[in-house]
Amino acid sequence: MSTRILLLIVVGLILAGCDEAGQQETRSLKEILNLNSERVVRNFDPDQIKRGESVFQANCENCHGKNASGTTDWRTPTADGKFPPPPLNGTAHAWHHSTAVLKKTILKGGPPEFSTMPAWENILTEQQVDDVIVWIKSLWPDEIYTTWYHNFEDK
């Protein structure tokens, strides 16, 4: 997939997440996505979750907030047109991306036209990145995790 197509997809996802007027907070994710899926059981390693939390606290919390709560205005671009760090705890759009995309974003950084997310490649090990991703997923409510799994991982 070309960089241009990937950038267009990312921009589309960001813009779709930014349309507050089109969102109905009272609808469940199952209603939105018409899922009739059973809950997915997570088999996360508790030690990996602890390691991921430690790595997140040391490297990511400064921007993404305590417990990955993000910034309150993450949907509003700053004066330079870039979006602030979003929540990663299941309340924003992180769960709209596969594990591979999450990992690539951490390693390579966010699209520079829209994001200040730095690249962590050569700073964090792949294991540390994997640990952080597992910790982030452990924060997601069951309904979010199930929806994410069926839409992005179970292919």
N, C-alpha and C. Protein backbone atom coordinates (compact mmCIF):
# COMPACT_ATOMS: atom_id res chain seq x y z
N MET A 1 0.86 -1.17 0.00
CA MET A 1 0.00 0.00 0.00
C MET A 1 0.90 1.22 0.00
N SER A 2 0.61 2.14 -0.86
CA SER A 2 1.46 3.32 -0.96
C SER A 2 1.27 4.23 0.26
N THR A 3 2.25 5.03 0.50
CA THR A 3 2.21 5.97 1.61
C THR A 3 1.05 6.94 1.44
N ARG A 4 0.80 7.34 0.22
CA ARG A 4 -0.28 8.30 -0.04
C ARG A 4 -1.64 7.71 0.32
N ILE A 5 -1.87 6.45 -0.06
CA ILE A 5 -3.15 5.79 0.27
C ILE A 5 -3.27 5.62 1.76
N LEU A 6 -2.19 5.19 2.42
CA LEU A 6 -2.21 5.02 3.87
C LEU A 6 -2.50 6.36 4.55
N LEU A 7 -1.90 7.42 4.06
CA LEU A 7 -2.13 8.75 4.64
C LEU A 7 -3.59 9.16 4.46
N LEU A 8 -4.17 8.89 3.31
CA LEU A 8 -5.58 9.21 3.08
C LEU A 8 -6.49 8.42 4.02
N ILE A 9 -6.16 7.17 4.26
CA ILE A 9 -6.95 6.35 5.19
C ILE A 9 -6.86 6.91 6.60
N VAL A 10 -5.65 7.25 7.03
CA VAL A 10 -5.46 7.80 8.37
C VAL A 10 -6.21 9.12 8.52
N VAL A 11 -6.12 9.98 7.52
CA VAL A 11 -6.83 11.26 7.57
C VAL A 11 -8.33 11.02 7.65
N GLY A 12 -8.83 10.09 6.87
CA GLY A 12 -10.25 9.77 6.90
C GLY A 12 -10.68 9.29 8.26
N LEU A 13 -9.88 8.43 8.89
CA LEU A 13 -10.20 7.94 10.24
C LEU A 13 -10.18 9.08 11.25
N ILE A 14 -9.20 9.95 11.13
CA ILE A 14 -9.12 11.09 12.05
C ILE A 14 -10.33 11.99 11.88
N LEU A 15 -10.65 12.31 10.64
CA LEU A 15 -11.79 13.19 10.39
C LEU A 15 -13.10 12.54 10.81
N ALA A 16 -13.23 11.25 10.60
CA ALA A 16 -14.46 10.56 11.02
C ALA A 16 -14.59 10.61 12.54
N GLY A 17 -13.48 10.51 13.23
CA GLY A 17 -13.51 10.59 14.68
C GLY A 17 -13.73 12.00 15.19
N CYS A 18 -13.55 12.99 14.31
CA CYS A 18 -13.67 14.38 14.73
C CYS A 18 -15.08 14.93 14.55
N ASP A 19 -15.95 14.21 13.93
CA ASP A 19 -17.30 14.69 13.65
C ASP A 19 -18.20 14.48 14.85
N GLU A 20 -18.14 15.38 15.80
CA GLU A 20 -18.94 15.25 17.01
C GLU A 20 -20.43 15.31 16.70
N ALA A 21 -20.83 16.11 15.74
CA ALA A 21 -22.25 16.27 15.44
C ALA A 21 -22.86 14.97 14.94
N GLY A 22 -22.08 14.16 14.24
CA GLY A 22 -22.60 12.91 13.69
C GLY A 22 -22.60 11.76 14.67
N GLN A 23 -22.06 11.95 15.85
CA GLN A 23 -21.98 10.87 16.81
C GLN A 23 -23.16 10.91 17.75
N GLN A 24 -23.68 9.74 18.04
CA GLN A 24 -24.76 9.63 19.00
C GLN A 24 -24.24 8.83 20.17
N GLU A 25 -23.97 9.49 21.26
CA GLU A 25 -23.35 8.86 22.41
C GLU A 25 -24.23 7.79 23.05
N THR A 26 -25.54 7.82 22.79
CA THR A 26 -26.43 6.87 23.44
C THR A 26 -26.48 5.53 22.72
N ARG A 27 -25.99 5.46 21.49
CA ARG A 27 -26.00 4.20 20.75
C ARG A 27 -24.84 3.33 21.19
N SER A 28 -25.08 2.03 21.30
CA SER A 28 -24.00 1.12 21.64
C SER A 28 -23.17 0.83 20.40
N LEU A 29 -21.98 0.31 20.62
CA LEU A 29 -21.12 -0.04 19.49
C LEU A 29 -21.76 -1.13 18.64
N LYS A 30 -22.47 -2.06 19.27
CA LYS A 30 -23.14 -3.12 18.51
C LYS A 30 -24.18 -2.52 17.58
N GLU A 31 -24.89 -1.50 18.04
CA GLU A 31 -25.87 -0.84 17.18
C GLU A 31 -25.17 -0.11 16.04
N ILE A 32 -24.09 0.56 16.34
CA ILE A 32 -23.36 1.32 15.33
C ILE A 32 -22.79 0.39 14.27
N LEU A 33 -22.19 -0.71 14.69
CA LEU A 33 -21.51 -1.60 13.76
C LEU A 33 -22.32 -2.84 13.40
N ASN A 34 -23.51 -2.96 13.93
CA ASN A 34 -24.38 -4.11 13.68
C ASN A 34 -23.67 -5.43 13.96
N LEU A 35 -23.00 -5.50 15.07
CA LEU A 35 -22.31 -6.73 15.44
C LEU A 35 -23.21 -7.60 16.30
N ASN A 36 -23.20 -8.85 16.03
CA ASN A 36 -23.90 -9.82 16.87
C ASN A 36 -22.87 -10.81 17.40
N SER A 37 -21.70 -10.33 17.72
CA SER A 37 -20.59 -11.18 18.11
C SER A 37 -20.59 -11.44 19.60
N GLU A 38 -20.12 -12.61 19.92
CA GLU A 38 -19.93 -12.95 21.33
C GLU A 38 -18.67 -12.27 21.83
N ARG A 39 -18.66 -12.04 23.13
CA ARG A 39 -17.51 -11.40 23.77
C ARG A 39 -16.24 -12.22 23.54
N VAL A 40 -15.16 -11.54 23.27
CA VAL A 40 -13.86 -12.18 23.06
C VAL A 40 -13.13 -12.22 24.40
N VAL A 41 -12.63 -13.37 24.74
CA VAL A 41 -11.88 -13.52 25.99
C VAL A 41 -10.43 -13.12 25.73
N ARG A 42 -9.92 -12.27 26.59
CA ARG A 42 -8.52 -11.83 26.48
C ARG A 42 -7.65 -12.75 27.33
N ASN A 43 -6.57 -13.18 26.74
CA ASN A 43 -5.62 -14.02 27.47
C ASN A 43 -4.28 -13.31 27.60
N PHE A 44 -4.34 -12.10 28.15
CA PHE A 44 -3.12 -11.32 28.30
C PHE A 44 -2.28 -11.85 29.45
N ASP A 45 -0.98 -11.76 29.26
CA ASP A 45 -0.03 -12.12 30.30
C ASP A 45 0.05 -10.96 31.29
N PRO A 46 -0.29 -11.20 32.57
CA PRO A 46 -0.26 -10.12 33.56
C PRO A 46 1.12 -9.45 33.68
N ASP A 47 2.18 -10.22 33.50
CA ASP A 47 3.53 -9.63 33.56
C ASP A 47 3.76 -8.68 32.38
N GLN A 48 3.24 -9.05 31.21
CA GLN A 48 3.39 -8.18 30.04
C GLN A 48 2.60 -6.89 30.25
N ILE A 49 1.44 -6.99 30.85
CA ILE A 49 0.64 -5.80 31.14
C ILE A 49 1.41 -4.87 32.08
N LYS A 50 2.02 -5.42 33.10
CA LYS A 50 2.80 -4.60 34.05
C LYS A 50 3.98 -3.94 33.36
N ARG A 51 4.68 -4.71 32.52
CA ARG A 51 5.82 -4.14 31.79
C ARG A 51 5.34 -3.02 30.87
N GLY A 52 4.23 -3.25 30.16
CA GLY A 52 3.69 -2.24 29.26
C GLY A 52 3.30 -0.97 29.98
N GLU A 53 2.69 -1.13 31.16
CA GLU A 53 2.31 0.05 31.94
C GLU A 53 3.55 0.85 32.35
N SER A 54 4.61 0.15 32.76
CA SER A 54 5.85 0.84 33.15
C SER A 54 6.47 1.59 31.97
N VAL A 55 6.52 0.95 30.82
CA VAL A 55 7.08 1.60 29.63
C VAL A 55 6.22 2.80 29.25
N PHE A 56 4.89 2.64 29.31
CA PHE A 56 3.99 3.74 28.99
C PHE A 56 4.21 4.91 29.94
N GLN A 57 4.28 4.63 31.22
CA GLN A 57 4.46 5.70 32.20
C GLN A 57 5.77 6.45 31.98
N ALA A 58 6.80 5.74 31.62
CA ALA A 58 8.11 6.37 31.43
C ALA A 58 8.23 7.13 30.11
N ASN A 59 7.49 6.71 29.08
CA ASN A 59 7.72 7.27 27.75
C ASN A 59 6.51 7.93 27.09
N CYS A 60 5.32 7.55 27.46
CA CYS A 60 4.13 7.96 26.72
C CYS A 60 3.16 8.82 27.54
N GLU A 61 3.21 8.64 28.85
CA GLU A 61 2.25 9.30 29.73
C GLU A 61 2.32 10.82 29.64
N ASN A 62 3.51 11.34 29.40
CA ASN A 62 3.67 12.79 29.32
C ASN A 62 2.75 13.41 28.27
N CYS A 63 2.53 12.72 27.17
CA CYS A 63 1.65 13.23 26.11
C CYS A 63 0.24 12.63 26.18
N HIS A 64 0.16 11.32 26.37
CA HIS A 64 -1.14 10.63 26.32
C HIS A 64 -1.87 10.59 27.65
N GLY A 65 -1.27 11.14 28.69
CA GLY A 65 -1.95 11.25 29.97
C GLY A 65 -1.89 10.01 30.84
N LYS A 66 -2.15 10.23 32.11
CA LYS A 66 -2.18 9.14 33.08
C LYS A 66 -3.28 8.16 32.66
N ASN A 67 -2.96 6.88 32.73
CA ASN A 67 -3.88 5.81 32.33
C ASN A 67 -4.38 5.97 30.89
N ALA A 68 -3.55 6.60 30.06
CA ALA A 68 -3.84 6.76 28.63
C ALA A 68 -5.12 7.54 28.37
N SER A 69 -5.41 8.50 29.25
CA SER A 69 -6.66 9.28 29.15
C SER A 69 -6.61 10.36 28.07
N GLY A 70 -5.44 10.65 27.51
CA GLY A 70 -5.33 11.62 26.43
C GLY A 70 -5.59 13.05 26.88
N THR A 71 -5.75 13.90 25.91
CA THR A 71 -6.07 15.30 26.19
C THR A 71 -7.56 15.51 25.95
N THR A 72 -8.13 16.47 26.66
CA THR A 72 -9.57 16.70 26.56
C THR A 72 -9.99 17.23 25.19
N ASP A 73 -9.10 17.91 24.52
CA ASP A 73 -9.43 18.51 23.23
C ASP A 73 -8.74 17.80 22.06
N TRP A 74 -8.60 16.49 22.16
CA TRP A 74 -7.85 15.73 21.16
C TRP A 74 -8.48 15.77 19.77
N ARG A 75 -9.73 16.15 19.66
CA ARG A 75 -10.40 16.21 18.35
C ARG A 75 -10.24 17.57 17.66
N THR A 76 -9.65 18.52 18.35
CA THR A 76 -9.50 19.87 17.81
C THR A 76 -8.04 20.12 17.45
N PRO A 77 -7.76 20.38 16.18
CA PRO A 77 -6.37 20.63 15.81
C PRO A 77 -5.86 21.92 16.45
N THR A 78 -4.58 21.93 16.72
CA THR A 78 -3.93 23.12 17.27
C THR A 78 -3.68 24.12 16.15
N ALA A 79 -3.08 25.24 16.48
CA ALA A 79 -2.84 26.30 15.50
C ALA A 79 -2.01 25.81 14.30
N ASP A 80 -1.16 24.81 14.53
CA ASP A 80 -0.34 24.30 13.42
C ASP A 80 -1.06 23.21 12.61
N GLY A 81 -2.33 22.95 12.95
CA GLY A 81 -3.12 21.97 12.20
C GLY A 81 -2.95 20.54 12.66
N LYS A 82 -2.17 20.34 13.71
CA LYS A 82 -1.92 18.98 14.20
C LYS A 82 -2.86 18.68 15.36
N PHE A 83 -3.22 17.41 15.47
CA PHE A 83 -4.13 16.99 16.52
C PHE A 83 -3.37 16.63 17.79
N PRO A 84 -3.88 17.01 18.95
CA PRO A 84 -3.26 16.63 20.23
C PRO A 84 -3.35 15.11 20.43
N PRO A 85 -2.57 14.58 21.36
CA PRO A 85 -2.58 13.14 21.61
C PRO A 85 -3.97 12.66 22.06
N PRO A 86 -4.49 11.64 21.40
CA PRO A 86 -5.80 11.12 21.78
C PRO A 86 -5.71 10.17 22.96
N PRO A 87 -6.84 9.92 23.61
CA PRO A 87 -6.87 8.86 24.61
C PRO A 87 -6.61 7.52 23.92
N LEU A 88 -6.00 6.62 24.64
CA LEU A 88 -5.74 5.28 24.11
C LEU A 88 -6.49 4.22 24.91
N ASN A 89 -7.33 4.68 25.83
CA ASN A 89 -7.99 3.80 26.79
C ASN A 89 -9.34 3.25 26.33
N GLY A 90 -9.65 3.38 25.06
CA GLY A 90 -10.91 2.87 24.54
C GLY A 90 -11.96 3.94 24.35
N THR A 91 -11.65 5.19 24.71
CA THR A 91 -12.62 6.28 24.56
C THR A 91 -12.40 7.10 23.29
N ALA A 92 -11.37 6.78 22.53
CA ALA A 92 -11.09 7.50 21.29
C ALA A 92 -10.99 6.51 20.14
N HIS A 93 -10.13 6.77 19.20
CA HIS A 93 -10.09 5.95 17.99
C HIS A 93 -8.96 4.95 17.91
N ALA A 94 -8.15 4.77 18.94
CA ALA A 94 -7.04 3.82 18.85
C ALA A 94 -7.54 2.42 18.49
N TRP A 95 -8.72 2.08 18.98
CA TRP A 95 -9.26 0.74 18.73
C TRP A 95 -9.76 0.58 17.29
N HIS A 96 -9.68 1.61 16.48
CA HIS A 96 -10.03 1.50 15.07
C HIS A 96 -8.86 1.02 14.23
N HIS A 97 -7.78 0.63 14.87
CA HIS A 97 -6.58 0.22 14.15
C HIS A 97 -6.14 -1.17 14.59
N SER A 98 -5.63 -1.93 13.66
CA SER A 98 -5.11 -3.27 13.98
C SER A 98 -3.86 -3.15 14.85
N THR A 99 -3.46 -4.26 15.42
CA THR A 99 -2.22 -4.28 16.20
C THR A 99 -1.05 -3.85 15.34
N ALA A 100 -1.01 -4.31 14.10
CA ALA A 100 0.09 -3.95 13.20
C ALA A 100 0.16 -2.44 12.97
N VAL A 101 -0.98 -1.79 12.80
CA VAL A 101 -1.00 -0.34 12.58
C VAL A 101 -0.60 0.40 13.85
N LEU A 102 -1.08 -0.07 15.00
CA LEU A 102 -0.68 0.55 16.27
C LEU A 102 0.82 0.46 16.46
N LYS A 103 1.37 -0.72 16.18
CA LYS A 103 2.81 -0.92 16.34
C LYS A 103 3.59 -0.03 15.37
N LYS A 104 3.15 0.04 14.13
CA LYS A 104 3.84 0.88 13.14
C LYS A 104 3.79 2.35 13.55
N THR A 105 2.64 2.79 14.07
CA THR A 105 2.50 4.18 14.49
C THR A 105 3.46 4.51 15.63
N ILE A 106 3.58 3.58 16.57
CA ILE A 106 4.52 3.80 17.69
C ILE A 106 5.95 3.81 17.17
N LEU A 107 6.30 2.85 16.34
CA LEU A 107 7.68 2.76 15.86
C LEU A 107 8.04 3.90 14.90
N LYS A 108 7.15 4.25 13.99
CA LYS A 108 7.47 5.24 12.95
C LYS A 108 6.94 6.64 13.25
N GLY A 109 6.04 6.77 14.21
CA GLY A 109 5.44 8.06 14.54
C GLY A 109 4.17 8.29 13.74
N GLY A 110 3.45 9.32 14.12
CA GLY A 110 2.21 9.66 13.43
C GLY A 110 2.50 10.42 12.15
N PRO A 111 1.49 10.57 11.29
CA PRO A 111 1.70 11.35 10.06
C PRO A 111 2.10 12.78 10.42
N PRO A 112 3.25 13.25 9.99
CA PRO A 112 3.75 14.55 10.42
C PRO A 112 2.84 15.73 10.05
N GLU A 113 2.00 15.55 9.04
CA GLU A 113 1.09 16.63 8.64
C GLU A 113 -0.01 16.84 9.68
N PHE A 114 -0.33 15.79 10.46
CA PHE A 114 -1.49 15.83 11.35
C PHE A 114 -1.16 15.51 12.80
N SER A 115 0.06 15.10 13.08
CA SER A 115 0.38 14.57 14.40
C SER A 115 1.76 14.99 14.86
N THR A 116 1.91 15.09 16.17
CA THR A 116 3.23 15.33 16.75
C THR A 116 3.79 14.05 17.36
N MET A 117 3.13 12.92 17.10
CA MET A 117 3.60 11.63 17.63
C MET A 117 4.98 11.32 17.09
N PRO A 118 5.97 11.22 18.00
CA PRO A 118 7.33 10.93 17.54
C PRO A 118 7.52 9.44 17.22
N ALA A 119 8.54 9.14 16.48
CA ALA A 119 8.91 7.75 16.21
C ALA A 119 9.69 7.22 17.41
N TRP A 120 9.36 6.01 17.85
CA TRP A 120 10.04 5.39 18.99
C TRP A 120 10.97 4.27 18.55
N GLU A 121 11.10 4.07 17.25
CA GLU A 121 12.03 3.09 16.72
C GLU A 121 13.44 3.47 17.15
N ASN A 122 14.23 2.51 17.53
CA ASN A 122 15.59 2.71 18.03
C ASN A 122 15.64 3.36 19.41
N ILE A 123 14.48 3.59 20.01
CA ILE A 123 14.41 4.08 21.39
C ILE A 123 13.80 2.99 22.26
N LEU A 124 12.65 2.48 21.82
CA LEU A 124 12.01 1.35 22.50
C LEU A 124 12.28 0.09 21.70
N THR A 125 12.40 -1.02 22.40
CA THR A 125 12.55 -2.30 21.71
C THR A 125 11.18 -2.74 21.19
N GLU A 126 11.17 -3.67 20.25
CA GLU A 126 9.90 -4.19 19.76
C GLU A 126 9.11 -4.85 20.89
N GLN A 127 9.81 -5.50 21.81
CA GLN A 127 9.13 -6.11 22.95
C GLN A 127 8.47 -5.05 23.82
N GLN A 128 9.14 -3.94 24.04
CA GLN A 128 8.54 -2.87 24.82
C GLN A 128 7.30 -2.31 24.12
N VAL A 129 7.37 -2.16 22.81
CA VAL A 129 6.22 -1.68 22.06
C VAL A 129 5.06 -2.67 22.17
N ASP A 130 5.37 -3.95 22.00
CA ASP A 130 4.34 -4.98 22.15
C ASP A 130 3.73 -4.95 23.54
N ASP A 131 4.55 -4.77 24.56
CA ASP A 131 4.06 -4.70 25.94
C ASP A 131 3.12 -3.50 26.13
N VAL A 132 3.50 -2.35 25.58
CA VAL A 132 2.66 -1.15 25.68
C VAL A 132 1.32 -1.39 25.00
N ILE A 133 1.34 -2.00 23.83
CA ILE A 133 0.09 -2.26 23.10
C ILE A 133 -0.81 -3.19 23.90
N VAL A 134 -0.25 -4.22 24.50
CA VAL A 134 -1.07 -5.13 25.32
C VAL A 134 -1.64 -4.37 26.52
N TRP A 135 -0.83 -3.51 27.15
CA TRP A 135 -1.35 -2.73 28.28
C TRP A 135 -2.49 -1.83 27.83
N ILE A 136 -2.33 -1.16 26.69
CA ILE A 136 -3.38 -0.29 26.17
C ILE A 136 -4.66 -1.10 25.94
N LYS A 137 -4.54 -2.25 25.29
CA LYS A 137 -5.72 -3.09 25.03
C LYS A 137 -6.37 -3.57 26.33
N SER A 138 -5.56 -3.74 27.36
CA SER A 138 -6.12 -4.19 28.64
C SER A 138 -7.02 -3.13 29.27
N LEU A 139 -6.88 -1.87 28.85
CA LEU A 139 -7.70 -0.78 29.36
C LEU A 139 -9.07 -0.71 28.69
N TRP A 140 -9.18 -1.28 27.50
CA TRP A 140 -10.41 -1.16 26.73
C TRP A 140 -11.54 -1.94 27.37
N PRO A 141 -12.74 -1.37 27.43
CA PRO A 141 -13.90 -2.10 27.92
C PRO A 141 -14.14 -3.34 27.03
N ASP A 142 -14.80 -4.35 27.58
CA ASP A 142 -15.04 -5.59 26.85
C ASP A 142 -15.72 -5.36 25.51
N GLU A 143 -16.71 -4.48 25.46
CA GLU A 143 -17.44 -4.23 24.21
C GLU A 143 -16.51 -3.63 23.15
N ILE A 144 -15.67 -2.70 23.55
CA ILE A 144 -14.70 -2.10 22.62
C ILE A 144 -13.72 -3.16 22.14
N TYR A 145 -13.18 -3.94 23.05
CA TYR A 145 -12.19 -4.95 22.68
C TYR A 145 -12.81 -5.97 21.71
N THR A 146 -14.01 -6.41 22.01
CA THR A 146 -14.69 -7.38 21.15
C THR A 146 -14.92 -6.80 19.76
N THR A 147 -15.40 -5.58 19.71
CA THR A 147 -15.64 -4.92 18.42
C THR A 147 -14.34 -4.77 17.67
N TRP A 148 -13.29 -4.32 18.35
CA TRP A 148 -11.97 -4.19 17.72
C TRP A 148 -11.50 -5.53 17.18
N TYR A 149 -11.59 -6.56 17.99
CA TYR A 149 -11.08 -7.87 17.60
C TYR A 149 -11.79 -8.38 16.35
N HIS A 150 -13.10 -8.30 16.32
CA HIS A 150 -13.85 -8.81 15.18
C HIS A 150 -13.67 -7.97 13.92
N ASN A 151 -13.38 -6.69 14.07
CA ASN A 151 -13.24 -5.82 12.91
C ASN A 151 -11.81 -5.69 12.40
N PHE A 152 -10.82 -5.88 13.27
CA PHE A 152 -9.45 -5.59 12.86
C PHE A 152 -8.47 -6.73 13.05
N GLU A 153 -8.74 -7.67 13.92
CA GLU A 153 -7.77 -8.74 14.18
C GLU A 153 -8.24 -10.09 13.66
N ASP A 154 -9.52 -10.35 13.71
CA ASP A 154 -10.05 -11.66 13.37
C ASP A 154 -10.32 -11.75 11.88
N LYS A 155 -9.30 -11.59 11.09
CA LYS A 155 -9.46 -11.59 9.63
C LYS A 155 -8.82 -12.81 9.02
